[in-house]
Amino acid sequence: MDEQLLLEHLHNAVAAGEVWPALQPQVDLRTRRIMGFEVLARWNSPALGPVPPACFIPVAEQAGLLDGLILHLIRQACAQVSAWPGDFQLAFNLAPTQFLDLDIVGHVSAAAHAGGLALERLCIEITESSLFHSNTTAQRAIALFKQAGMRLALDDFGTGHSSLTRLQALPFDEIKIDASFVRALETDPNSLKIVTAVLGLGQSLGVHVVAEGIENERQAAILARMGCELGQGYLWGAPQAAPQAQQVLARQGSFSRRDRPLDTSPFQRFHQLESLYQAAPVGLGFLDAQLRVVSANARIGEMLGLDVAQATGRAVEQLLDGRRLADFIQVLQRVLKGEPLAPIEYRRRDAGTTSLIALQQVRSVSGQILGVSVFAIDISGRVAAERTLQDTIEHYRQVIALAPNVAWAAGPDGSIDYMGQTWEWSPMSTSAERHARWRERMDPADQLRVRAEWLAHLPSKQPFETVFGILWPDGTHKWVRSRARPQFDAQGEVTRWYGLITDITVEHELRQRVQALEAQLRQRG
């Protein structure tokens, strides 16, 4: 577009109201509420149609019209939003050359006052190129903006040549990550690393970080997980006129973030992780994608019999002996592929200890495989307790087999609701299951007879006794006696029956032998 033609129309555009402020939302990534709006110039020329800012802003700057244009935007935008609810901020971009005139601070302040907005709600955005020029006047102007109560943001960070020393020395409240890095988050690992570094830098310096150019929910989610607080982009709307921006504010609500940002920087996280590693009562470690030891605490070294200092940086295959190596490498490779595996037990024979080791694939927020986290707990006590319990169970089972006296109980109606442990005792079996197994081993005829006797006896409220045969687990047939006595309440009603089953096989056999001998004697007599 012809610059001379633009300049001719631009002279009268501001006065004619053709240049107007467009507001793009800046949101808190956690709550999705509006933290502020960046104010951008838009020009709808009756003669030329919509003119892109990239075309008319340079022309205005060269012609000395930029100050008037910016101040017009500030007055108009402040007036439009002054009655809106909330204490959100308005952000305005100033060109590098505008910082060479100290009067610009007073002009911006007067424009904001004219629009009815407090200076504390203004944010002046400065590009990195403004810092590249070591101009004392520009540095003084930046300081004066801050002294006036306005916030300062470093725009398009990562694309210029700003010195970290100068960045630390200047009173910035925000750093804005350039949109080019945000757009490449999902596809370019290097962009992800740059964004991570910028976030860490901003958080370490105690300034808020705003990510520009967010276009989808995936990008917003990645940035939020990385600790980025604020975002801006077409996901929440393009630069728009005040009525549309007001609708966005009413729908999403405002959010004030004037305090020092939450420190989730790599510096902070490193020391948190280091403290956790040193103090944790469990073993912690991390292997990279090449299965090399990146970090490990002393506890995991004790569990696995490793010297942590010597193990760091070495591959797992250099740390394990040949008998265990192949299986463990295979397990680690399966974890790297994302296969969920149950924890594995590791027995250290020289120390007589056992550890339970859980392995988990680790990915970056963009999905890049980083390695394997290792979590280990000492289960030697549990293993010993399980072994003792198993021995106790076996001992109890043998005792029951030698003396199978089994207690049982029933309600007033005769329903058996408790059955003691039997020779088939299991710590997980229920009374109902044990009763069912007893009935299965009874002779079918005895089942019907004993039940009929029991139900017929209940009204008598007298002690009960019966004898029946049962099949033993070894295949032999035995005889048992079942006795029960009632328990009464104060009115003489039965509240419960308590019984005991006793092995009377020897007694039964002796009685049969006596009866046989008596029969023989009668025959001889």
Protein backbone atom coordinates (compact mmCIF):
# COMPACT_ATOMS: atom_id res chain seq x y z
CA MET A 1 0.00 0.00 0.00
CA ASP A 2 1.38 3.43 -1.00
CA GLU A 3 2.87 5.15 2.07
CA GLN A 4 2.19 8.66 0.77
CA LEU A 5 -1.47 7.80 0.23
CA LEU A 6 -1.64 6.34 3.73
CA LEU A 7 -0.07 9.44 5.21
CA GLU A 8 -2.56 11.74 3.49
CA HIS A 9 -5.53 9.84 4.93
CA LEU A 10 -3.89 9.22 8.33
CA HIS A 11 -3.59 12.94 9.14
CA ASN A 12 -7.34 13.23 9.58
CA ALA A 13 -8.11 9.62 10.56
CA VAL A 14 -7.69 10.10 14.32
CA ALA A 15 -9.79 13.24 14.49
CA ALA A 16 -12.45 11.62 12.32
CA GLY A 17 -12.69 8.62 14.66
CA GLU A 18 -11.51 6.16 12.04
CA VAL A 19 -8.75 4.81 14.30
CA TRP A 20 -10.23 2.96 17.28
CA PRO A 21 -9.03 0.76 20.13
CA ALA A 22 -9.47 -3.01 19.77
CA LEU A 23 -9.30 -5.03 22.99
CA GLN A 24 -7.88 -8.57 23.15
CA PRO A 25 -8.51 -10.51 26.41
CA GLN A 26 -5.66 -11.60 28.66
CA VAL A 27 -6.78 -14.42 30.95
CA ASP A 28 -5.69 -16.28 34.04
CA LEU A 29 -5.00 -19.81 32.78
CA ARG A 30 -6.23 -21.45 35.97
CA THR A 31 -9.58 -19.67 36.43
CA ARG A 32 -10.06 -18.48 32.81
CA ARG A 33 -11.11 -15.09 34.16
CA ILE A 34 -10.09 -11.84 32.49
CA MET A 35 -6.90 -10.36 33.91
CA GLY A 36 -6.76 -7.53 31.39
CA PHE A 37 -6.96 -6.44 27.76
CA GLU A 38 -4.21 -5.53 25.36
CA VAL A 39 -5.29 -2.44 23.42
CA LEU A 40 -4.39 -2.50 19.72
CA ALA A 41 -4.96 0.17 17.07
CA ARG A 42 -7.42 -0.53 14.26
CA TRP A 43 -8.12 1.76 11.29
CA ASN A 44 -11.24 1.51 9.17
CA SER A 45 -10.76 4.08 6.41
CA PRO A 46 -13.85 5.06 4.33
CA ALA A 47 -11.57 5.49 1.35
CA LEU A 48 -9.01 2.73 1.85
CA GLY A 49 -11.01 0.18 3.80
CA PRO A 50 -9.45 -1.71 6.77
CA VAL A 51 -5.76 -0.83 6.98
CA PRO A 52 -3.47 -3.33 8.81
CA PRO A 53 -1.50 -1.89 11.77
CA ALA A 54 1.70 -3.23 10.23
CA CYS A 55 1.11 -0.75 7.40
CA PHE A 56 0.00 2.43 9.15
CA ILE A 57 1.93 2.28 12.48
CA PRO A 58 5.39 2.64 10.81
CA VAL A 59 4.02 5.49 8.66
CA ALA A 60 2.63 7.24 11.72
CA GLU A 61 5.96 6.86 13.53
CA GLN A 62 7.97 8.27 10.62
CA ALA A 63 5.58 11.20 10.25
CA GLY A 64 5.63 12.05 13.95
CA LEU A 65 1.97 11.13 14.39
CA LEU A 66 2.46 8.12 16.64
CA ASP A 67 2.27 9.96 19.97
CA GLY A 68 -1.05 11.53 19.07
CA LEU A 69 -2.41 8.21 17.81
CA ILE A 70 -1.36 6.30 20.97
CA LEU A 71 -2.69 8.98 23.32
CA HIS A 72 -6.00 8.96 21.45
CA LEU A 73 -6.22 5.18 21.95
CA ILE A 74 -5.43 5.52 25.65
CA ARG A 75 -8.08 8.20 26.24
CA GLN A 76 -10.74 6.35 24.30
CA ALA A 77 -10.03 2.87 25.72
CA CYS A 78 -9.85 4.13 29.31
CA ALA A 79 -13.14 5.99 28.91
CA GLN A 80 -14.82 2.91 27.45
CA VAL A 81 -13.85 0.53 30.27
CA SER A 82 -13.77 2.88 33.29
CA ALA A 83 -17.30 1.93 34.35
CA TRP A 84 -16.83 -1.83 33.81
CA PRO A 85 -16.66 -4.00 36.96
CA GLY A 86 -13.32 -5.36 38.19
CA ASP A 87 -9.78 -4.02 38.39
CA PHE A 88 -8.43 -5.61 35.23
CA GLN A 89 -5.61 -3.80 33.45
CA LEU A 90 -5.25 -2.22 30.00
CA ALA A 91 -1.96 -2.82 28.19
CA PHE A 92 -0.61 -0.42 25.56
CA ASN A 93 2.35 -0.86 23.23
CA LEU A 94 4.79 2.01 22.87
CA ALA A 95 7.38 2.18 20.11
CA PRO A 96 11.10 2.23 21.05
CA THR A 97 11.45 5.82 19.83
CA GLN A 98 8.71 7.02 22.17
CA PHE A 99 10.92 6.22 25.18
CA LEU A 100 13.45 8.77 23.98
CA ASP A 101 11.11 11.60 25.06
CA LEU A 102 10.62 11.83 28.83
CA ASP A 103 7.46 13.90 28.28
CA ILE A 104 5.71 10.75 27.06
CA VAL A 105 5.21 9.67 30.69
CA GLY A 106 3.24 12.81 31.53
CA HIS A 107 1.24 12.60 28.29
CA VAL A 108 0.23 8.96 28.95
CA SER A 109 -0.73 9.81 32.53
CA ALA A 110 -2.87 12.75 31.40
CA ALA A 111 -4.61 10.62 28.74
CA ALA A 112 -5.45 7.92 31.29
CA HIS A 113 -6.80 10.49 33.75
CA ALA A 114 -8.88 12.03 30.99
CA GLY A 115 -10.36 8.60 30.30
CA GLY A 116 -11.13 8.08 34.00
CA LEU A 117 -8.82 5.12 34.68
CA ALA A 118 -6.29 4.87 37.51
CA LEU A 119 -2.66 4.66 36.44
CA GLU A 120 -2.26 1.45 38.49
CA ARG A 121 -4.50 -0.25 35.93
CA LEU A 122 -2.27 0.65 32.99
CA CYS A 123 0.47 -1.63 31.70
CA ILE A 124 3.06 -0.29 29.28
CA GLU A 125 4.43 -2.95 26.96
CA ILE A 126 8.05 -2.54 25.85
CA THR A 127 9.65 -4.61 23.11
CA GLU A 128 13.10 -6.10 23.56
CA SER A 129 14.45 -3.78 20.89
CA SER A 130 13.73 -0.88 23.25
CA LEU A 131 16.20 -2.37 25.72
CA PHE A 132 18.84 -3.16 23.16
CA HIS A 133 19.73 0.47 22.77
CA SER A 134 21.66 1.48 25.87
CA ASN A 135 20.08 4.90 26.02
CA THR A 136 19.94 6.59 29.40
CA THR A 137 16.87 8.62 28.38
CA ALA A 138 14.95 5.45 27.50
CA GLN A 139 16.01 3.84 30.77
CA ARG A 140 14.90 6.97 32.64
CA ALA A 141 11.51 6.93 30.88
CA ILE A 142 10.97 3.30 31.89
CA ALA A 143 11.74 4.17 35.51
CA LEU A 144 9.35 7.15 35.40
CA PHE A 145 6.49 4.99 34.12
CA LYS A 146 7.06 2.69 37.07
CA GLN A 147 7.26 5.57 39.54
CA ALA A 148 3.94 6.89 38.24
CA GLY A 149 2.31 3.61 39.31
CA MET A 150 1.99 1.96 35.92
CA ARG A 151 2.96 -1.66 35.34
CA LEU A 152 5.64 -2.63 32.84
CA ALA A 153 5.72 -5.66 30.53
CA LEU A 154 8.56 -6.85 28.33
CA ASP A 155 6.91 -7.81 25.03
CA ASP A 156 7.92 -10.54 22.54
CA PHE A 157 10.55 -11.91 24.90
CA GLY A 158 12.94 -14.35 23.27
CA THR A 159 13.03 -12.68 19.86
CA GLY A 160 15.39 -9.78 20.63
CA HIS A 161 18.75 -9.17 22.24
CA SER A 162 17.93 -8.09 25.78
CA SER A 163 20.64 -8.59 28.34
CA LEU A 164 19.71 -10.69 31.35
CA THR A 165 21.61 -8.25 33.52
CA ARG A 166 19.51 -5.36 32.18
CA LEU A 167 16.34 -7.42 32.52
CA GLN A 168 17.06 -8.06 36.18
CA ALA A 169 17.89 -4.39 36.79
CA LEU A 170 14.70 -2.97 35.21
CA PRO A 171 11.39 -2.92 37.14
CA PHE A 172 9.31 -5.22 34.93
CA ASP A 173 6.08 -6.73 36.25
CA GLU A 174 5.49 -9.07 33.32
CA ILE A 175 7.36 -10.95 30.61
CA LYS A 176 5.43 -11.88 27.48
CA ILE A 177 6.50 -15.03 25.63
CA ASP A 178 6.45 -14.44 21.89
CA ALA A 179 3.61 -16.18 20.02
CA SER A 180 6.01 -17.98 17.66
CA PHE A 181 7.24 -20.18 20.51
CA VAL A 182 3.72 -20.86 21.79
CA ARG A 183 2.45 -21.94 18.37
CA ALA A 184 5.29 -24.47 18.07
CA LEU A 185 4.82 -25.96 21.56
CA GLU A 186 3.23 -29.18 20.33
CA THR A 187 5.57 -29.82 17.42
CA ASP A 188 8.99 -28.40 18.25
CA PRO A 189 10.83 -29.73 21.35
CA ASN A 190 13.19 -26.75 21.20
CA SER A 191 10.30 -24.29 21.44
CA LEU A 192 9.04 -26.20 24.47
CA LYS A 193 12.46 -25.91 26.10
CA ILE A 194 12.63 -22.18 25.35
CA VAL A 195 9.19 -21.59 26.84
CA THR A 196 10.18 -23.62 29.89
CA ALA A 197 13.33 -21.54 30.28
CA VAL A 198 11.45 -18.23 29.96
CA LEU A 199 8.86 -19.37 32.49
CA GLY A 200 11.63 -20.34 34.88
CA LEU A 201 13.39 -17.01 34.36
CA GLY A 202 10.25 -14.99 34.99
CA GLN A 203 9.30 -16.99 38.05
CA SER A 204 12.80 -16.76 39.47
CA LEU A 205 12.76 -12.97 39.04
CA GLY A 206 9.31 -12.76 40.66
CA VAL A 207 7.48 -11.40 37.60
CA HIS A 208 4.33 -12.66 35.91
CA VAL A 209 4.66 -14.46 32.57
CA VAL A 210 2.09 -14.02 29.80
CA ALA A 211 2.03 -16.47 26.88
CA GLU A 212 0.92 -14.84 23.62
CA GLY A 213 -0.65 -16.53 20.63
CA ILE A 214 -2.60 -19.30 22.38
CA GLU A 215 -4.93 -20.75 19.79
CA ASN A 216 -6.27 -24.02 21.28
CA GLU A 217 -7.02 -25.73 24.57
CA ARG A 218 -4.09 -28.11 24.20
CA GLN A 219 -1.62 -25.22 24.20
CA ALA A 220 -3.38 -23.62 27.18
CA ALA A 221 -3.28 -26.89 29.12
CA ILE A 222 0.43 -27.43 28.42
CA LEU A 223 1.29 -23.89 29.53
CA ALA A 224 -0.80 -24.18 32.70
CA ARG A 225 0.91 -27.45 33.63
CA MET A 226 4.28 -25.78 33.12
CA GLY A 227 3.35 -23.08 35.63
CA CYS A 228 2.41 -20.29 33.24
CA GLU A 229 -0.18 -18.07 34.90
CA LEU A 230 -1.49 -15.81 32.15
CA GLY A 231 -2.36 -16.22 28.50
CA GLN A 232 -3.55 -14.30 25.48
CA GLY A 233 -4.66 -15.42 22.05
CA TYR A 234 -7.46 -16.25 19.67
CA LEU A 235 -8.62 -19.08 21.95
CA TRP A 236 -10.36 -16.36 23.98
CA GLY A 237 -11.02 -13.92 21.19
CA ALA A 238 -9.46 -11.72 18.55
CA PRO A 239 -8.91 -8.00 19.17
CA GLN A 240 -12.46 -6.64 19.29
CA ALA A 241 -14.49 -3.52 19.85
CA ALA A 242 -15.43 -2.47 23.37
CA PRO A 243 -19.04 -3.82 23.33
CA GLN A 244 -17.85 -7.31 22.39
CA ALA A 245 -15.01 -7.15 24.95
CA GLN A 246 -17.49 -6.14 27.63
CA GLN A 247 -19.57 -9.24 26.84
CA VAL A 248 -16.48 -11.43 27.26
CA LEU A 249 -15.77 -9.80 30.63
CA ALA A 250 -19.37 -10.33 31.78
CA ARG A 251 -19.26 -13.96 30.70
CA GLN A 252 -15.86 -14.90 32.18
CA GLY A 253 -15.49 -12.45 35.06
CA SER A 254 -12.40 -10.48 36.06
CA PHE A 255 -9.33 -11.65 37.91
CA SER A 256 -6.81 -9.51 39.76
CA ARG A 257 -3.22 -10.69 39.94
CA ARG A 258 -1.29 -7.86 41.56
CA ASP A 259 0.64 -9.93 44.06
CA ARG A 260 3.96 -11.67 43.51
CA PRO A 261 3.44 -14.72 41.25
CA LEU A 262 3.57 -18.24 42.61
CA ASP A 263 7.14 -19.51 42.31
CA THR A 264 7.11 -22.74 40.31
CA SER A 265 10.45 -22.05 38.67
CA PRO A 266 13.04 -24.76 37.92
CA PHE A 267 15.16 -23.21 40.68
CA GLN A 268 12.35 -23.69 43.19
CA ARG A 269 11.45 -27.14 41.90
CA PHE A 270 15.08 -28.28 41.98
CA HIS A 271 15.41 -27.48 45.66
CA GLN A 272 12.00 -28.99 46.44
CA LEU A 273 13.01 -32.19 44.66
CA GLU A 274 16.45 -32.20 46.28
CA SER A 275 14.87 -31.85 49.73
CA LEU A 276 12.38 -34.60 48.95
CA TYR A 277 15.11 -36.92 47.70
CA GLN A 278 17.23 -36.42 50.78
CA ALA A 279 14.46 -36.66 53.40
CA ALA A 280 12.15 -39.27 51.86
CA PRO A 281 11.98 -42.58 53.78
CA VAL A 282 11.52 -44.36 50.44
CA GLY A 283 13.87 -44.91 47.52
CA LEU A 284 13.59 -42.43 44.64
CA GLY A 285 15.41 -42.34 41.34
CA PHE A 286 15.19 -41.37 37.68
CA LEU A 287 16.57 -43.01 34.53
CA ASP A 288 16.76 -41.14 31.23
CA ALA A 289 15.55 -42.52 27.91
CA GLN A 290 18.93 -44.28 27.46
CA LEU A 291 18.42 -45.95 30.85
CA ARG A 292 21.21 -44.03 32.54
CA VAL A 293 20.98 -43.02 36.19
CA VAL A 294 20.20 -39.29 36.31
CA SER A 295 19.36 -39.05 40.00
CA ALA A 296 18.94 -41.32 43.00
CA ASN A 297 18.72 -40.82 46.72
CA ALA A 298 20.73 -42.59 49.38
CA ARG A 299 17.76 -44.72 50.43
CA ILE A 300 17.42 -46.42 47.06
CA GLY A 301 21.18 -47.02 47.10
CA GLU A 302 20.82 -48.86 50.41
CA MET A 303 17.93 -50.96 49.10
CA LEU A 304 19.63 -51.98 45.88
CA GLY A 305 23.19 -52.15 47.20
CA LEU A 306 24.49 -49.32 44.98
CA ASP A 307 26.92 -46.47 45.55
CA VAL A 308 24.75 -43.55 44.37
CA ALA A 309 27.69 -41.27 43.59
CA GLN A 310 29.32 -43.88 41.39
CA ALA A 311 26.03 -44.99 39.81
CA THR A 312 25.00 -41.50 38.64
CA GLY A 313 25.57 -41.14 34.91
CA ARG A 314 26.08 -44.85 34.33
CA ALA A 315 23.79 -47.15 32.38
CA VAL A 316 21.73 -49.76 34.22
CA GLU A 317 23.52 -52.54 32.36
CA GLN A 318 26.75 -51.47 34.05
CA LEU A 319 25.22 -51.74 37.53
CA LEU A 320 23.53 -55.16 37.59
CA ASP A 321 25.06 -58.62 37.33
CA GLY A 322 24.33 -60.86 34.38
CA ARG A 323 21.76 -63.05 36.12
CA ARG A 324 19.35 -60.16 36.66
CA LEU A 325 20.36 -57.85 33.83
CA ALA A 326 18.42 -59.25 30.87
CA ASP A 327 15.09 -59.50 32.69
CA PHE A 328 15.35 -56.05 34.26
CA ILE A 329 16.40 -54.35 31.01
CA GLN A 330 13.40 -55.93 29.31
CA VAL A 331 11.10 -54.62 32.05
CA LEU A 332 12.56 -51.09 31.73
CA GLN A 333 12.13 -51.13 27.95
CA ARG A 334 8.48 -52.14 28.34
CA VAL A 335 7.97 -49.25 30.77
CA LEU A 336 9.62 -46.84 28.32
CA LYS A 337 7.09 -47.94 25.71
CA GLY A 338 4.29 -46.96 28.09
CA GLU A 339 3.22 -50.44 29.16
CA PRO A 340 1.76 -50.37 32.70
CA LEU A 341 3.45 -52.98 34.88
CA ALA A 342 2.80 -54.15 38.41
CA PRO A 343 5.53 -53.39 40.98
CA ILE A 344 8.31 -55.97 41.15
CA GLU A 345 10.03 -57.46 44.18
CA TYR A 346 13.81 -57.21 44.48
CA ARG A 347 15.54 -59.43 47.03
CA ARG A 348 19.00 -58.41 48.11
CA ARG A 349 20.50 -61.71 49.15
CA ASP A 350 23.63 -60.32 50.80
CA ALA A 351 21.56 -58.18 53.18
CA GLY A 352 18.49 -60.41 53.43
CA THR A 353 16.17 -57.52 52.52
CA THR A 354 13.32 -57.25 50.03
CA SER A 355 12.19 -54.10 48.22
CA LEU A 356 9.10 -53.41 46.14
CA ILE A 357 10.00 -51.36 43.06
CA ALA A 358 7.48 -49.39 40.99
CA LEU A 359 8.47 -48.04 37.57
CA GLN A 360 6.66 -45.28 35.69
CA GLN A 361 7.21 -43.81 32.25
CA VAL A 362 7.89 -40.05 32.36
CA ARG A 363 6.83 -37.74 29.53
CA SER A 364 7.10 -34.01 28.97
CA VAL A 365 3.92 -31.94 28.76
CA SER A 366 4.11 -32.23 24.98
CA GLY A 367 4.36 -36.03 25.12
CA GLN A 368 8.12 -36.50 24.61
CA ILE A 369 9.46 -39.57 26.44
CA LEU A 370 11.99 -38.42 29.02
CA GLY A 371 12.74 -41.61 30.93
CA VAL A 372 11.60 -43.78 33.83
CA SER A 373 10.93 -42.80 37.43
CA VAL A 374 11.85 -45.37 40.08
CA PHE A 375 10.06 -45.67 43.42
CA ALA A 376 11.16 -48.28 45.97
CA ILE A 377 9.96 -49.20 49.45
CA ASP A 378 11.46 -51.68 51.89
CA ILE A 379 9.00 -54.54 52.42
CA SER A 380 11.34 -56.81 54.37
CA GLY A 381 9.10 -56.55 57.45
CA ARG A 382 6.01 -57.36 55.44
CA VAL A 383 7.67 -60.34 53.77
CA ALA A 384 8.78 -61.68 57.15
CA ALA A 385 5.27 -61.16 58.57
CA GLU A 386 3.72 -62.98 55.60
CA ARG A 387 6.10 -65.88 56.10
CA THR A 388 5.25 -66.03 59.81
CA LEU A 389 1.54 -65.88 59.00
CA GLN A 390 1.87 -68.71 56.48
CA ASP A 391 3.67 -70.84 59.08
CA THR A 392 0.94 -70.02 61.62
CA ILE A 393 -1.79 -70.93 59.16
CA GLU A 394 -0.18 -74.26 58.41
CA HIS A 395 0.31 -74.97 62.12
CA TYR A 396 -3.31 -74.12 62.85
CA ARG A 397 -4.50 -76.29 59.98
CA GLN A 398 -2.55 -79.27 61.29
CA VAL A 399 -3.85 -78.73 64.83
CA ILE A 400 -7.42 -78.63 63.58
CA ALA A 401 -6.84 -81.84 61.60
CA LEU A 402 -5.62 -83.57 64.79
CA ALA A 403 -8.47 -82.32 66.98
CA PRO A 404 -11.43 -81.24 64.85
CA ASN A 405 -13.68 -79.71 67.47
CA VAL A 406 -15.73 -77.13 65.61
CA ALA A 407 -17.90 -74.48 67.28
CA TRP A 408 -21.14 -73.32 65.69
CA ALA A 409 -24.04 -71.04 66.56
CA ALA A 410 -27.57 -70.37 65.39
CA GLY A 411 -30.34 -67.86 65.85
CA PRO A 412 -33.63 -68.54 67.70
CA ASP A 413 -35.19 -69.87 64.48
CA GLY A 414 -32.38 -72.43 64.08
CA SER A 415 -30.61 -70.72 61.16
CA ILE A 416 -26.90 -71.42 61.52
CA ASP A 417 -25.06 -68.08 61.21
CA TYR A 418 -21.64 -69.02 62.57
CA MET A 419 -19.35 -71.93 61.79
CA GLY A 420 -15.92 -72.19 63.35
CA GLN A 421 -12.67 -73.08 61.60
CA THR A 422 -12.39 -76.56 60.14
CA TRP A 423 -9.63 -78.71 58.71
CA GLU A 424 -10.13 -76.80 55.45
CA TRP A 425 -9.60 -73.50 57.26
CA SER A 426 -8.64 -70.46 55.22
CA PRO A 427 -8.20 -66.96 56.70
CA MET A 428 -10.45 -65.58 53.96
CA SER A 429 -13.34 -68.08 54.31
CA THR A 430 -16.65 -66.98 55.80
CA SER A 431 -18.92 -68.81 58.25
CA ALA A 432 -21.45 -69.41 55.50
CA GLU A 433 -18.79 -70.94 53.23
CA ARG A 434 -17.55 -73.23 56.01
CA HIS A 435 -21.11 -74.36 56.83
CA ALA A 436 -21.78 -75.07 53.17
CA ARG A 437 -18.65 -77.28 52.94
CA TRP A 438 -19.75 -79.26 56.02
CA ARG A 439 -23.14 -79.95 54.47
CA GLU A 440 -21.51 -80.99 51.17
CA ARG A 441 -19.45 -83.64 53.00
CA MET A 442 -22.40 -85.08 54.90
CA ASP A 443 -24.24 -88.13 53.60
CA PRO A 444 -27.38 -86.86 51.78
CA ALA A 445 -29.58 -89.01 53.98
CA ASP A 446 -27.91 -87.57 57.11
CA GLN A 447 -28.42 -84.05 55.79
CA LEU A 448 -32.18 -84.51 55.63
CA ARG A 449 -32.37 -86.44 58.92
CA VAL A 450 -30.25 -84.01 60.97
CA ARG A 451 -32.10 -80.98 59.65
CA ALA A 452 -35.48 -82.55 60.42
CA GLU A 453 -34.32 -83.49 63.94
CA TRP A 454 -32.97 -79.98 64.54
CA LEU A 455 -36.09 -78.15 63.41
CA ALA A 456 -38.35 -80.52 65.36
CA HIS A 457 -36.28 -80.04 68.51
CA LEU A 458 -36.26 -76.24 68.55
CA PRO A 459 -39.64 -75.72 70.30
CA SER A 460 -38.49 -77.89 73.24
CA LYS A 461 -35.85 -75.34 74.22
CA GLN A 462 -33.81 -78.28 75.56
CA PRO A 463 -30.18 -79.19 74.81
CA PHE A 464 -29.80 -80.87 71.44
CA GLU A 465 -27.60 -83.79 70.37
CA THR A 466 -27.22 -85.82 67.18
CA VAL A 467 -24.66 -88.03 65.45
CA PHE A 468 -23.87 -88.17 61.74
CA GLY A 469 -21.24 -89.36 59.34
CA ILE A 470 -19.01 -87.11 57.29
CA LEU A 471 -16.43 -87.60 54.54
CA TRP A 472 -12.92 -86.55 55.63
CA PRO A 473 -10.54 -84.77 53.19
CA ASP A 474 -8.33 -87.92 53.04
CA GLY A 475 -11.29 -89.93 51.74
CA THR A 476 -12.08 -91.77 55.00
CA HIS A 477 -15.49 -91.77 56.65
CA LYS A 478 -15.74 -90.42 60.19
CA TRP A 479 -18.43 -89.99 62.80
CA VAL A 480 -19.09 -86.75 64.66
CA ARG A 481 -21.41 -85.66 67.46
CA SER A 482 -23.09 -82.26 67.33
CA ARG A 483 -24.41 -80.79 70.58
CA ALA A 484 -26.09 -77.45 71.27
CA ARG A 485 -27.44 -75.58 74.29
CA PRO A 486 -29.86 -72.64 74.22
CA GLN A 487 -29.28 -69.20 75.69
CA PHE A 488 -32.32 -67.49 77.25
CA ASP A 489 -33.39 -63.92 77.90
CA ALA A 490 -35.09 -62.64 81.06
CA GLN A 491 -38.50 -63.84 79.79
CA GLY A 492 -37.26 -67.37 79.20
CA GLU A 493 -37.18 -67.08 75.42
CA VAL A 494 -34.33 -68.55 73.42
CA THR A 495 -32.06 -65.81 72.07
CA ARG A 496 -29.36 -68.03 70.60
CA TRP A 497 -28.05 -71.58 70.29
CA TYR A 498 -24.39 -72.45 70.87
CA GLY A 499 -23.04 -75.74 69.63
CA LEU A 500 -19.92 -77.90 69.27
CA ILE A 501 -19.09 -80.64 66.79
CA THR A 502 -16.71 -83.34 68.11
CA ASP A 503 -14.98 -86.23 66.34
CA ILE A 504 -16.27 -89.46 67.91
CA THR A 505 -14.96 -91.88 65.30
CA VAL A 506 -12.85 -93.85 67.82
CA GLU A 507 -15.70 -93.88 70.32
CA HIS A 508 -18.11 -95.02 67.60
CA GLU A 509 -15.77 -97.80 66.46
CA LEU A 510 -15.25 -98.99 70.06
CA ARG A 511 -18.99 -99.04 70.62
CA GLN A 512 -19.47 -101.08 67.45
CA ARG A 513 -16.75 -103.54 68.59
CA VAL A 514 -18.35 -103.87 72.01
CA GLN A 515 -21.72 -104.44 70.41
CA ALA A 516 -20.17 -107.08 68.12
CA LEU A 517 -18.54 -108.87 71.09
CA GLU A 518 -21.80 -108.78 73.05
CA ALA A 519 -23.57 -110.29 70.08
CA GLN A 520 -20.98 -113.08 69.85
CA LEU A 521 -21.34 -113.83 73.58
CA ARG A 522 -25.10 -114.04 73.27
CA GLN A 523 -24.76 -116.49 70.41
CA ARG A 524 -22.38 -118.70 72.46
CA GLY A 525 -24.59 -118.55 75.48
